Structures are given as C-alpha cells and as structure tokens.
C-alpha cells in the first residue's frame, strides 16, 4: 500500500455532535490520496456511533474509559500512520476542502526538527485566537525520537501538550506558525462536565523538565544514571522521570465498519 503524505489524527470522547461535524467535513473533502485520516473513539461511554463517518477513515476505539487519555489516543493513532507527517487536530477545530488542499501542498516543503502550528479564528464571530498546543504537525520520525506523548499525564487534565512543547524546544527544535490555512474554532461544541483541574499535571510537567535540566550536564547525568538515586529523587517528589514512558496502557480495537 502506498503511503500518504500526511496523517490527520482526531480523537473524541463522549461527543456525538463533534463526530457528526467532523464526518461531514471529511465527506466534503473526499478521499484524497495524499491524506490519511485516523479517528480514535477515546473510551466513550456509550460508544460513539461512527456509521456516518466516511469509509476511507481508519477507526480505532480505546476500550478503557480513562479520563483525559489524549496522550494515549494520539500515540495509538501514530502507531498506525503510514505517513511521514502527523497532523494532530483537536476535535473542535475545522478545515475546509480548499484549506486541506493548501496544507497538503505546503507539507511537501516542511522540514524535520520543525513543528508547524496554525492561526485560529472563532466561529461564527471570526475573532482571531491564539495558536493551540493541541493542533500541530510534526514529522513521524521526530515524534518517535522525542518519545511520543507522555502517558504519565493521562488520567488528569492538561499539560501533556505543554510538556511536549517544552521538551521539543529544550532539545533544540523549532515551532513555526503558518500564515495559512487557518483553523476554524468550534469550541462551543467542546465536551462539557469534565474535571479540568490541572494542578497535578502542571506539577508533573515541571518535575519532568527538571529531570532534563539536571540531565543536561555531565555531573547531572551521573546522578540520574544511578537508579537508586533516581528512585529516591522521584520518591521525595523533587523530580519526575523524564525518560519516555510506556505507551498504550489500555485495551483497544480497530473498528471495521
């Protein structure tokens, strides 16, 4: 099977309305050979109805209902991507057919060690918003090299993207914001009634980055290379292990409909 140029990755939890809206958008695009779409039902209860989704979309379901499992869902999709570039898109962000075609032309000139993000505009007010850490394009090889998304953040809200961004920059890579295309933000359709207390993950992000700052110099690497010293530093809560964490800590299945 010939690989595509870009893999679009979208995951949704407990939001049938966003499934319908994204399915309608993808249907308008048509089956574009250069584009692969992978969708993850991230443990929704009850399971999402995907019968309206175009048949060329690859579909997977996380069986376990894990709160805030975005890192796991994205890692799962990346394992099945056949493209050199991964496009992580938040479920409430949208592109038109002309936008996706413009983007595919640009991807041909993208460079590794660069992450690409988007300007965003609200719907229907069309107000410009800040760029979104959840919406970015990264080469698959760079994503693997950095360890993918850290699933230690799963189960609690936020900061998995902030950690990836900090680690990405720490390792000397770059972030670019595209002038076009723009994303259209439908955040009024986001999933409601979820616990968005981010304190635990904010501290985890800081402790993991401290690991990398200690590891940056020779003496620090000696300290962290001793497993007993590392375990002691983690146990007292000074740092968290910054090394790539185990992935796909859940049951999953491919959806063949």
Protein backbone atom coordinates (compact mmCIF):
# COMPACT_ATOMS: atom_id res chain seq x y z
CA UNK A 1 0.00 0.00 0.00
CA UNK A 2 1.39 3.40 -0.98
CA UNK A 3 1.92 5.69 2.00
CA UNK A 4 0.19 9.05 2.17
CA UNK A 5 1.86 12.42 2.66
CA UNK A 6 0.05 13.46 5.83
CA UNK A 7 -1.93 11.66 8.54
CA UNK A 8 -4.72 13.63 10.20
CA UNK A 9 -5.35 12.39 13.76
CA UNK A 10 -8.56 13.26 15.64
CA UNK A 11 -9.80 11.73 18.88
CA UNK A 12 -13.19 12.32 20.51
CA UNK A 13 -14.60 11.43 23.90
CA UNK A 14 -18.36 11.38 24.60
CA UNK A 15 -19.30 13.94 21.95
CA UNK A 16 -21.52 12.62 19.17
CA UNK A 17 -22.11 16.10 17.78
CA UNK A 18 -18.42 16.58 17.01
CA UNK A 19 -18.34 13.16 15.33
CA UNK A 20 -21.13 14.34 13.04
CA UNK A 21 -19.46 17.69 12.27
CA UNK A 22 -16.05 16.18 11.53
CA UNK A 23 -17.62 13.41 9.43
CA UNK A 24 -19.48 16.00 7.37
CA UNK A 25 -16.28 17.99 6.85
CA UNK A 26 -14.29 14.92 5.79
CA UNK A 27 -17.07 13.87 3.44
CA UNK A 28 -16.81 17.26 1.69
CA UNK A 29 -13.07 16.79 1.27
CA UNK A 30 -13.50 13.43 -0.44
CA UNK A 31 -10.94 10.64 -0.38
CA UNK A 32 -7.65 12.48 -1.01
CA UNK A 33 -4.78 10.06 -1.84
CA UNK A 34 -2.15 12.22 -0.11
CA UNK A 35 -4.17 12.35 3.10
CA UNK A 36 -4.77 9.60 5.64
CA UNK A 37 -7.33 10.16 8.39
CA UNK A 38 -7.21 8.22 11.66
CA UNK A 39 -10.02 8.62 14.17
CA UNK A 40 -9.95 7.43 17.80
CA UNK A 41 -13.02 6.94 19.98
CA UNK A 42 -11.23 7.57 23.25
CA UNK A 43 -13.21 5.30 25.58
CA UNK A 44 -16.62 6.96 25.13
CA UNK A 45 -19.50 5.59 27.22
CA UNK A 46 -21.68 4.70 25.42
CA UNK A 47 -19.62 4.03 22.32
CA UNK A 48 -19.80 6.67 19.63
CA UNK A 49 -21.92 5.99 16.56
CA UNK A 50 -19.49 6.14 13.63
CA UNK A 51 -21.88 4.95 10.94
CA UNK A 52 -21.87 8.37 9.23
CA UNK A 53 -18.07 8.53 9.04
CA UNK A 54 -16.53 8.11 5.52
CA UNK A 55 -15.38 4.55 4.89
CA UNK A 56 -11.83 5.62 4.00
CA UNK A 57 -11.23 6.82 7.57
CA UNK A 58 -9.24 4.41 9.78
CA UNK A 59 -11.13 3.99 13.03
CA UNK A 60 -10.00 2.71 16.43
CA UNK A 61 -11.60 2.56 19.86
CA UNK A 62 -9.96 2.75 23.27
CA UNK A 63 -11.90 0.22 25.33
CA UNK A 64 -10.94 1.53 28.78
CA UNK A 65 -12.65 4.73 29.93
CA UNK A 66 -9.56 6.64 31.10
CA UNK A 67 -10.11 10.33 31.97
CA UNK A 68 -8.11 12.73 29.79
CA UNK A 69 -6.44 9.99 27.76
CA UNK A 70 -5.39 12.30 24.91
CA UNK A 71 -1.74 11.19 25.11
CA UNK A 72 -2.72 7.53 24.74
CA UNK A 73 -5.19 8.18 21.92
CA UNK A 74 -2.61 10.17 19.94
CA UNK A 75 0.08 7.56 20.49
CA UNK A 76 -2.30 4.82 19.33
CA UNK A 77 -3.06 6.68 16.10
CA UNK A 78 0.62 7.36 15.44
CA UNK A 79 1.37 3.62 15.54
CA UNK A 80 -0.91 3.07 12.54
CA UNK A 81 0.08 6.09 10.49
CA UNK A 82 1.56 5.35 7.08
CA UNK A 83 2.73 8.95 6.55
CA UNK A 84 5.94 10.84 7.18
CA UNK A 85 3.99 13.68 8.84
CA UNK A 86 1.45 13.60 11.69
CA UNK A 87 -1.25 16.27 11.98
CA UNK A 88 -2.79 16.31 15.46
CA UNK A 89 -6.08 18.21 15.31
CA UNK A 90 -8.36 18.99 18.23
CA UNK A 91 -11.88 17.71 17.57
CA UNK A 92 -13.47 21.18 17.71
CA UNK A 93 -11.13 22.66 15.07
CA UNK A 94 -12.05 22.51 11.38
CA UNK A 95 -10.61 22.98 7.90
CA UNK A 96 -12.41 23.45 4.58
CA UNK A 97 -11.56 21.43 1.46
CA UNK A 98 -9.56 24.31 -0.01
CA UNK A 99 -7.69 24.63 3.30
CA UNK A 100 -6.67 20.98 3.41
CA UNK A 101 -5.52 21.08 -0.22
CA UNK A 102 -3.44 24.18 0.51
CA UNK A 103 -1.93 22.46 3.53
CA UNK A 104 -1.01 19.34 1.57
CA UNK A 105 0.90 21.49 -0.91
CA UNK A 106 2.81 23.11 1.94
CA UNK A 107 3.68 19.86 3.71
CA UNK A 108 5.86 18.89 0.76
CA UNK A 109 8.27 21.64 1.83
CA UNK A 110 8.19 21.05 5.59
CA UNK A 111 11.48 20.34 7.35
CA UNK A 112 12.20 17.91 10.15
CA UNK A 113 13.06 19.34 13.58
CA UNK A 114 10.25 21.84 12.95
CA UNK A 115 6.74 21.74 14.39
CA UNK A 116 4.03 23.59 12.47
CA UNK A 117 1.03 25.28 14.09
CA UNK A 118 -1.97 27.27 12.89
CA UNK A 119 -3.63 30.61 13.33
CA UNK A 120 -7.21 30.12 14.52
CA UNK A 121 -10.45 32.06 14.15
CA UNK A 122 -13.62 31.60 16.16
CA UNK A 123 -16.95 30.56 14.65
CA UNK A 124 -19.18 32.39 14.00
CA UNK A 125 -17.62 35.65 15.27
CA UNK A 126 -14.39 35.17 13.26
CA UNK A 127 -12.22 36.57 16.04
CA UNK A 128 -8.54 35.64 15.91
CA UNK A 129 -7.50 33.26 18.70
CA UNK A 130 -4.12 32.14 19.97
CA UNK A 131 -2.42 29.14 18.43
CA UNK A 132 -3.33 25.83 20.06
CA UNK A 133 -0.85 23.33 21.53
CA UNK A 134 -3.28 20.54 20.59
CA UNK A 135 -3.13 21.37 16.87
CA UNK A 136 0.20 20.83 15.17
CA UNK A 137 2.11 18.96 12.50
CA UNK A 138 5.28 17.06 13.33
CA UNK A 139 7.32 14.52 11.38
CA UNK A 140 6.66 10.96 12.48
CA UNK A 141 10.36 10.27 12.96
CA UNK A 142 10.73 13.34 15.22
CA UNK A 143 7.64 12.26 17.17
CA UNK A 144 9.16 8.82 17.77
CA UNK A 145 12.56 10.28 18.69
CA UNK A 146 11.08 12.54 21.37
CA UNK A 147 9.15 9.61 22.86
CA UNK A 148 5.66 10.47 21.60
CA UNK A 149 3.14 11.87 24.06
CA UNK A 150 3.93 11.10 27.69
CA UNK A 151 1.12 8.91 29.05
CA UNK A 152 2.05 9.71 32.65
CA UNK A 153 -0.25 12.73 32.12
CA UNK A 154 -3.27 10.55 31.25
CA UNK A 155 -6.00 10.34 33.86
CA UNK A 156 -5.72 14.01 34.78
CA UNK A 157 -6.36 17.24 32.89
CA UNK A 158 -3.88 19.16 30.80
CA UNK A 159 -0.18 19.85 30.26
CA UNK A 160 0.70 16.84 28.11
CA UNK A 161 0.96 19.24 25.17
CA UNK A 162 2.81 21.85 27.25
CA UNK A 163 5.34 19.22 28.27
CA UNK A 164 5.84 18.06 24.69
CA UNK A 165 6.36 21.69 23.64
CA UNK A 166 8.87 22.43 26.42
CA UNK A 167 10.81 19.23 25.73
CA UNK A 168 10.73 19.93 21.98
CA UNK A 169 12.29 23.37 22.44
CA UNK A 170 14.71 22.11 25.11
CA UNK A 171 16.11 19.64 22.59
CA UNK A 172 16.83 22.46 20.12
CA UNK A 173 13.86 22.08 17.78
CA UNK A 174 11.66 24.84 16.36
CA UNK A 175 7.99 25.85 16.25
CA UNK A 176 6.57 27.68 13.24
CA UNK A 177 3.14 29.29 12.80
CA UNK A 178 1.68 29.01 9.32
CA UNK A 179 0.15 32.12 7.76
CA UNK A 180 -2.42 29.92 6.01
CA UNK A 181 -4.52 27.87 6.21
CA UNK A 182 -6.40 28.92 9.32
CA UNK A 183 -8.33 26.67 11.67
CA UNK A 184 -11.98 27.43 12.40
CA UNK A 185 -12.69 27.05 16.10
CA UNK A 186 -15.98 25.45 17.21
CA UNK A 187 -15.05 25.28 20.90
CA UNK A 188 -18.68 25.94 21.86
CA UNK A 189 -19.15 22.26 20.96
CA UNK A 190 -16.46 21.01 23.36
CA UNK A 191 -17.29 18.18 25.76
CA UNK A 192 -18.84 19.55 28.96
CA UNK A 193 -18.92 18.49 32.63
CA UNK A 194 -15.34 17.20 32.82
CA UNK A 195 -12.93 17.81 35.69
CA UNK A 196 -10.44 20.38 34.39
CA UNK A 197 -8.30 20.77 37.50
CA UNK A 198 -4.79 20.86 36.01
CA UNK A 199 -2.70 21.30 39.18
CA UNK A 200 -1.44 17.71 39.32
CA UNK A 201 -0.27 17.73 35.70
CA UNK A 202 1.22 21.22 35.94
CA UNK A 203 3.49 19.97 38.74
CA UNK A 204 4.27 16.81 36.76
CA UNK A 205 5.35 18.89 33.77
CA UNK A 206 7.68 20.98 35.94
CA UNK A 207 9.22 17.92 37.62
CA UNK A 208 9.81 16.16 34.29
CA UNK A 209 11.50 19.24 32.85
CA UNK A 210 13.69 19.48 35.97
CA UNK A 211 14.86 15.94 35.18
CA UNK A 212 16.02 17.14 31.75
CA UNK A 213 17.74 20.23 33.11
CA UNK A 214 19.67 18.10 35.62
CA UNK A 215 20.46 15.61 32.85
CA UNK A 216 21.87 18.39 30.66
CA UNK A 217 25.32 18.44 32.27
CA UNK A 218 27.86 15.71 32.93
CA UNK A 219 27.53 15.58 36.71
CA UNK A 220 23.73 15.57 36.46
CA UNK A 221 23.80 12.61 34.11
CA UNK A 222 25.99 10.71 36.56
CA UNK A 223 23.49 11.39 39.36
CA UNK A 224 20.48 10.30 37.29
CA UNK A 225 22.22 7.23 35.88
CA UNK A 226 22.19 5.69 39.37
CA UNK A 227 18.79 4.03 39.57
CA UNK A 228 18.66 4.21 43.36
CA UNK A 229 19.41 7.93 43.39
CA UNK A 230 16.85 8.49 40.65
CA UNK A 231 14.22 6.49 42.56
CA UNK A 232 14.95 8.47 45.74
CA UNK A 233 14.62 11.84 43.96
CA UNK A 234 11.32 10.72 42.47
CA UNK A 235 10.04 9.33 45.78
CA UNK A 236 10.62 12.59 47.67
CA UNK A 237 8.85 14.47 44.86
CA UNK A 238 11.80 16.57 43.71
CA UNK A 239 11.68 15.38 40.10
CA UNK A 240 9.69 13.04 37.85
CA UNK A 241 11.18 10.58 35.39
CA UNK A 242 11.61 12.39 32.07
CA UNK A 243 12.56 9.34 30.07
CA UNK A 244 9.95 8.16 27.52
CA UNK A 245 7.12 6.49 29.42
CA UNK A 246 5.41 3.19 28.49
CA UNK A 247 2.74 3.64 25.82
CA UNK A 248 -0.71 2.20 25.11
CA UNK A 249 -1.56 1.30 28.72
CA UNK A 250 -5.07 0.28 27.76
CA UNK A 251 -7.05 -2.16 25.63
CA UNK A 252 -8.04 -1.01 22.17
CA UNK A 253 -9.61 -2.34 19.00
CA UNK A 254 -9.85 -1.42 15.34
CA UNK A 255 -13.35 -0.57 14.14
CA UNK A 256 -14.18 -2.23 10.84
CA UNK A 257 -17.41 -0.67 9.53
